N, C-alpha and C. Protein backbone atom coordinates (compact mmCIF):
# COMPACT_ATOMS: atom_id res chain seq x y z
N MET A 1 -198.22 -82.67 -65.67
CA MET A 1 -197.55 -81.77 -64.79
C MET A 1 -196.40 -81.13 -65.57
N GLU A 2 -196.23 -79.85 -65.43
CA GLU A 2 -195.13 -79.14 -66.08
C GLU A 2 -194.22 -78.54 -65.02
N VAL A 3 -192.94 -78.74 -65.22
CA VAL A 3 -191.93 -78.19 -64.32
C VAL A 3 -190.94 -77.42 -65.18
N PHE A 4 -190.65 -76.22 -64.78
CA PHE A 4 -189.71 -75.39 -65.53
C PHE A 4 -188.42 -75.26 -64.73
N ILE A 5 -187.32 -75.55 -65.38
CA ILE A 5 -186.02 -75.52 -64.72
C ILE A 5 -185.35 -74.18 -64.96
N ASP A 6 -184.97 -73.52 -63.88
CA ASP A 6 -184.23 -72.27 -63.97
C ASP A 6 -182.75 -72.65 -64.00
N SER A 7 -182.22 -72.80 -65.20
CA SER A 7 -180.87 -73.30 -65.35
C SER A 7 -180.22 -72.68 -66.58
N GLU A 8 -178.91 -72.57 -66.52
CA GLU A 8 -178.17 -72.08 -67.68
C GLU A 8 -178.11 -73.14 -68.77
N GLN A 9 -178.22 -74.41 -68.39
CA GLN A 9 -178.18 -75.52 -69.34
C GLN A 9 -179.33 -76.49 -69.08
N PRO A 10 -180.56 -76.09 -69.40
CA PRO A 10 -181.72 -76.95 -69.11
C PRO A 10 -181.66 -78.28 -69.85
N TYR A 11 -181.10 -78.30 -71.06
CA TYR A 11 -180.98 -79.55 -71.82
C TYR A 11 -180.20 -80.58 -71.01
N ARG A 12 -179.02 -80.19 -70.54
CA ARG A 12 -178.17 -81.09 -69.76
C ARG A 12 -178.86 -81.52 -68.47
N ASP A 13 -179.46 -80.57 -67.77
CA ASP A 13 -180.08 -80.86 -66.48
C ASP A 13 -181.30 -81.77 -66.62
N LEU A 14 -182.12 -81.56 -67.64
CA LEU A 14 -183.28 -82.43 -67.86
C LEU A 14 -182.84 -83.84 -68.22
N LYS A 15 -181.82 -83.98 -69.04
CA LYS A 15 -181.33 -85.31 -69.40
C LYS A 15 -180.78 -86.03 -68.18
N ARG A 16 -180.05 -85.33 -67.33
CA ARG A 16 -179.51 -85.95 -66.11
C ARG A 16 -180.63 -86.38 -65.17
N ALA A 17 -181.64 -85.54 -65.03
CA ALA A 17 -182.78 -85.88 -64.16
C ALA A 17 -183.51 -87.10 -64.70
N ALA A 18 -183.72 -87.15 -66.01
CA ALA A 18 -184.40 -88.30 -66.62
C ALA A 18 -183.61 -89.58 -66.39
N GLN A 19 -182.30 -89.52 -66.53
CA GLN A 19 -181.46 -90.71 -66.31
C GLN A 19 -181.52 -91.15 -64.85
N ALA A 20 -181.48 -90.20 -63.93
CA ALA A 20 -181.52 -90.54 -62.51
C ALA A 20 -182.85 -91.18 -62.13
N PHE A 21 -183.96 -90.61 -62.59
CA PHE A 21 -185.27 -91.17 -62.27
C PHE A 21 -185.45 -92.55 -62.88
N SER A 22 -184.92 -92.78 -64.07
CA SER A 22 -185.11 -94.07 -64.72
C SER A 22 -184.35 -95.19 -64.02
N LYS A 23 -183.36 -94.85 -63.18
CA LYS A 23 -182.59 -95.86 -62.45
C LYS A 23 -183.09 -96.07 -61.02
N ALA A 24 -184.00 -95.23 -60.56
CA ALA A 24 -184.48 -95.30 -59.18
C ALA A 24 -185.28 -96.57 -58.94
N ILE A 25 -185.01 -97.25 -57.81
CA ILE A 25 -185.76 -98.44 -57.42
C ILE A 25 -186.18 -98.29 -55.96
N PHE A 26 -187.26 -98.98 -55.61
CA PHE A 26 -187.80 -98.92 -54.26
C PHE A 26 -188.05 -100.32 -53.75
N LEU A 27 -187.89 -100.49 -52.46
CA LEU A 27 -188.25 -101.74 -51.80
C LEU A 27 -189.30 -101.39 -50.76
N PHE A 28 -190.53 -101.80 -51.03
CA PHE A 28 -191.64 -101.50 -50.13
C PHE A 28 -191.62 -102.46 -48.94
N GLU A 29 -192.09 -101.97 -47.80
CA GLU A 29 -192.16 -102.78 -46.60
C GLU A 29 -193.03 -104.00 -46.86
N GLY A 30 -192.54 -105.17 -46.48
CA GLY A 30 -193.28 -106.40 -46.67
C GLY A 30 -193.04 -107.06 -48.02
N GLU A 31 -192.37 -106.39 -48.94
CA GLU A 31 -192.07 -106.95 -50.26
C GLU A 31 -190.66 -107.53 -50.24
N THR A 32 -190.42 -108.54 -51.08
CA THR A 32 -189.09 -109.16 -51.12
C THR A 32 -188.26 -108.70 -52.31
N GLU A 33 -188.91 -108.08 -53.30
CA GLU A 33 -188.19 -107.62 -54.49
C GLU A 33 -188.36 -106.12 -54.66
N SER A 34 -187.30 -105.48 -55.11
CA SER A 34 -187.39 -104.04 -55.37
C SER A 34 -188.14 -103.79 -56.68
N VAL A 35 -188.70 -102.60 -56.80
CA VAL A 35 -189.52 -102.22 -57.94
C VAL A 35 -188.96 -100.94 -58.54
N ARG A 36 -188.90 -100.91 -59.86
CA ARG A 36 -188.44 -99.70 -60.54
C ARG A 36 -189.52 -98.62 -60.44
N PHE A 37 -189.08 -97.39 -60.24
CA PHE A 37 -189.95 -96.22 -60.15
C PHE A 37 -190.57 -95.90 -61.51
N LEU A 38 -189.76 -95.94 -62.55
CA LEU A 38 -190.21 -95.62 -63.90
C LEU A 38 -189.92 -96.78 -64.85
N ASP A 39 -190.76 -96.90 -65.88
CA ASP A 39 -190.43 -97.81 -66.98
C ASP A 39 -189.38 -97.16 -67.86
N LYS A 40 -189.57 -95.87 -68.14
CA LYS A 40 -188.57 -95.13 -68.91
C LYS A 40 -188.82 -93.64 -68.79
N ALA A 41 -187.81 -92.89 -69.11
CA ALA A 41 -187.89 -91.43 -69.15
C ALA A 41 -187.37 -90.99 -70.51
N GLU A 42 -188.17 -90.23 -71.23
CA GLU A 42 -187.79 -89.81 -72.58
C GLU A 42 -187.56 -88.31 -72.62
N TYR A 43 -186.39 -87.91 -73.08
CA TYR A 43 -186.12 -86.49 -73.29
C TYR A 43 -186.56 -86.14 -74.70
N GLN A 44 -187.39 -85.11 -74.82
CA GLN A 44 -187.88 -84.67 -76.13
C GLN A 44 -187.23 -83.34 -76.47
N SER A 45 -186.26 -83.40 -77.37
CA SER A 45 -185.47 -82.21 -77.67
C SER A 45 -186.27 -81.11 -78.35
N GLY A 46 -187.29 -81.46 -79.13
CA GLY A 46 -188.09 -80.46 -79.83
C GLY A 46 -188.82 -79.52 -78.89
N THR A 47 -189.27 -80.05 -77.78
CA THR A 47 -190.01 -79.24 -76.80
C THR A 47 -189.21 -79.00 -75.53
N VAL A 48 -187.99 -79.50 -75.49
CA VAL A 48 -187.12 -79.42 -74.31
C VAL A 48 -187.91 -79.86 -73.07
N SER A 49 -188.40 -81.09 -73.12
CA SER A 49 -189.18 -81.63 -72.01
C SER A 49 -188.84 -83.10 -71.80
N VAL A 50 -189.28 -83.62 -70.68
CA VAL A 50 -189.08 -85.03 -70.35
C VAL A 50 -190.44 -85.66 -70.11
N VAL A 51 -190.68 -86.80 -70.75
CA VAL A 51 -191.92 -87.56 -70.54
C VAL A 51 -191.56 -88.75 -69.66
N LEU A 52 -192.24 -88.86 -68.52
CA LEU A 52 -191.98 -89.95 -67.58
C LEU A 52 -193.04 -91.02 -67.74
N HIS A 53 -192.62 -92.27 -67.90
CA HIS A 53 -193.52 -93.42 -68.00
C HIS A 53 -193.39 -94.21 -66.70
N PHE A 54 -194.35 -94.04 -65.80
CA PHE A 54 -194.29 -94.68 -64.49
C PHE A 54 -194.52 -96.18 -64.61
N ASN A 55 -193.87 -96.93 -63.75
CA ASN A 55 -194.02 -98.37 -63.67
C ASN A 55 -195.37 -98.67 -63.00
N CYS A 56 -196.22 -99.44 -63.65
CA CYS A 56 -197.55 -99.75 -63.12
C CYS A 56 -197.47 -100.49 -61.78
N GLU A 57 -196.52 -101.39 -61.65
CA GLU A 57 -196.37 -102.14 -60.40
C GLU A 57 -196.03 -101.19 -59.25
N PHE A 58 -195.17 -100.22 -59.50
CA PHE A 58 -194.82 -99.22 -58.49
C PHE A 58 -196.06 -98.44 -58.06
N LEU A 59 -196.85 -97.99 -59.04
CA LEU A 59 -198.05 -97.20 -58.72
C LEU A 59 -199.05 -98.02 -57.91
N LEU A 60 -199.23 -99.29 -58.25
CA LEU A 60 -200.16 -100.14 -57.50
C LEU A 60 -199.70 -100.35 -56.06
N LEU A 61 -198.39 -100.48 -55.86
CA LEU A 61 -197.87 -100.67 -54.51
C LEU A 61 -197.98 -99.40 -53.67
N CYS A 62 -198.12 -98.26 -54.32
CA CYS A 62 -198.28 -96.99 -53.60
C CYS A 62 -199.68 -96.83 -53.02
N LEU A 63 -200.64 -97.58 -53.54
CA LEU A 63 -202.03 -97.45 -53.06
C LEU A 63 -202.22 -98.00 -51.67
């Protein structure tokens, strides 16, 4: 998926978004422990993009 940011400072905004997503946690109904949304988010300066590595446990709980 590609998302293009209409921003005067896309570098700063992409890095902030990556940091926010990497800290997000969820507590699913019926579960006792929260689960991280992402394993990590990597900002790639050469292509000015962010690669998101989703947490497998989170994805399985979404099914």
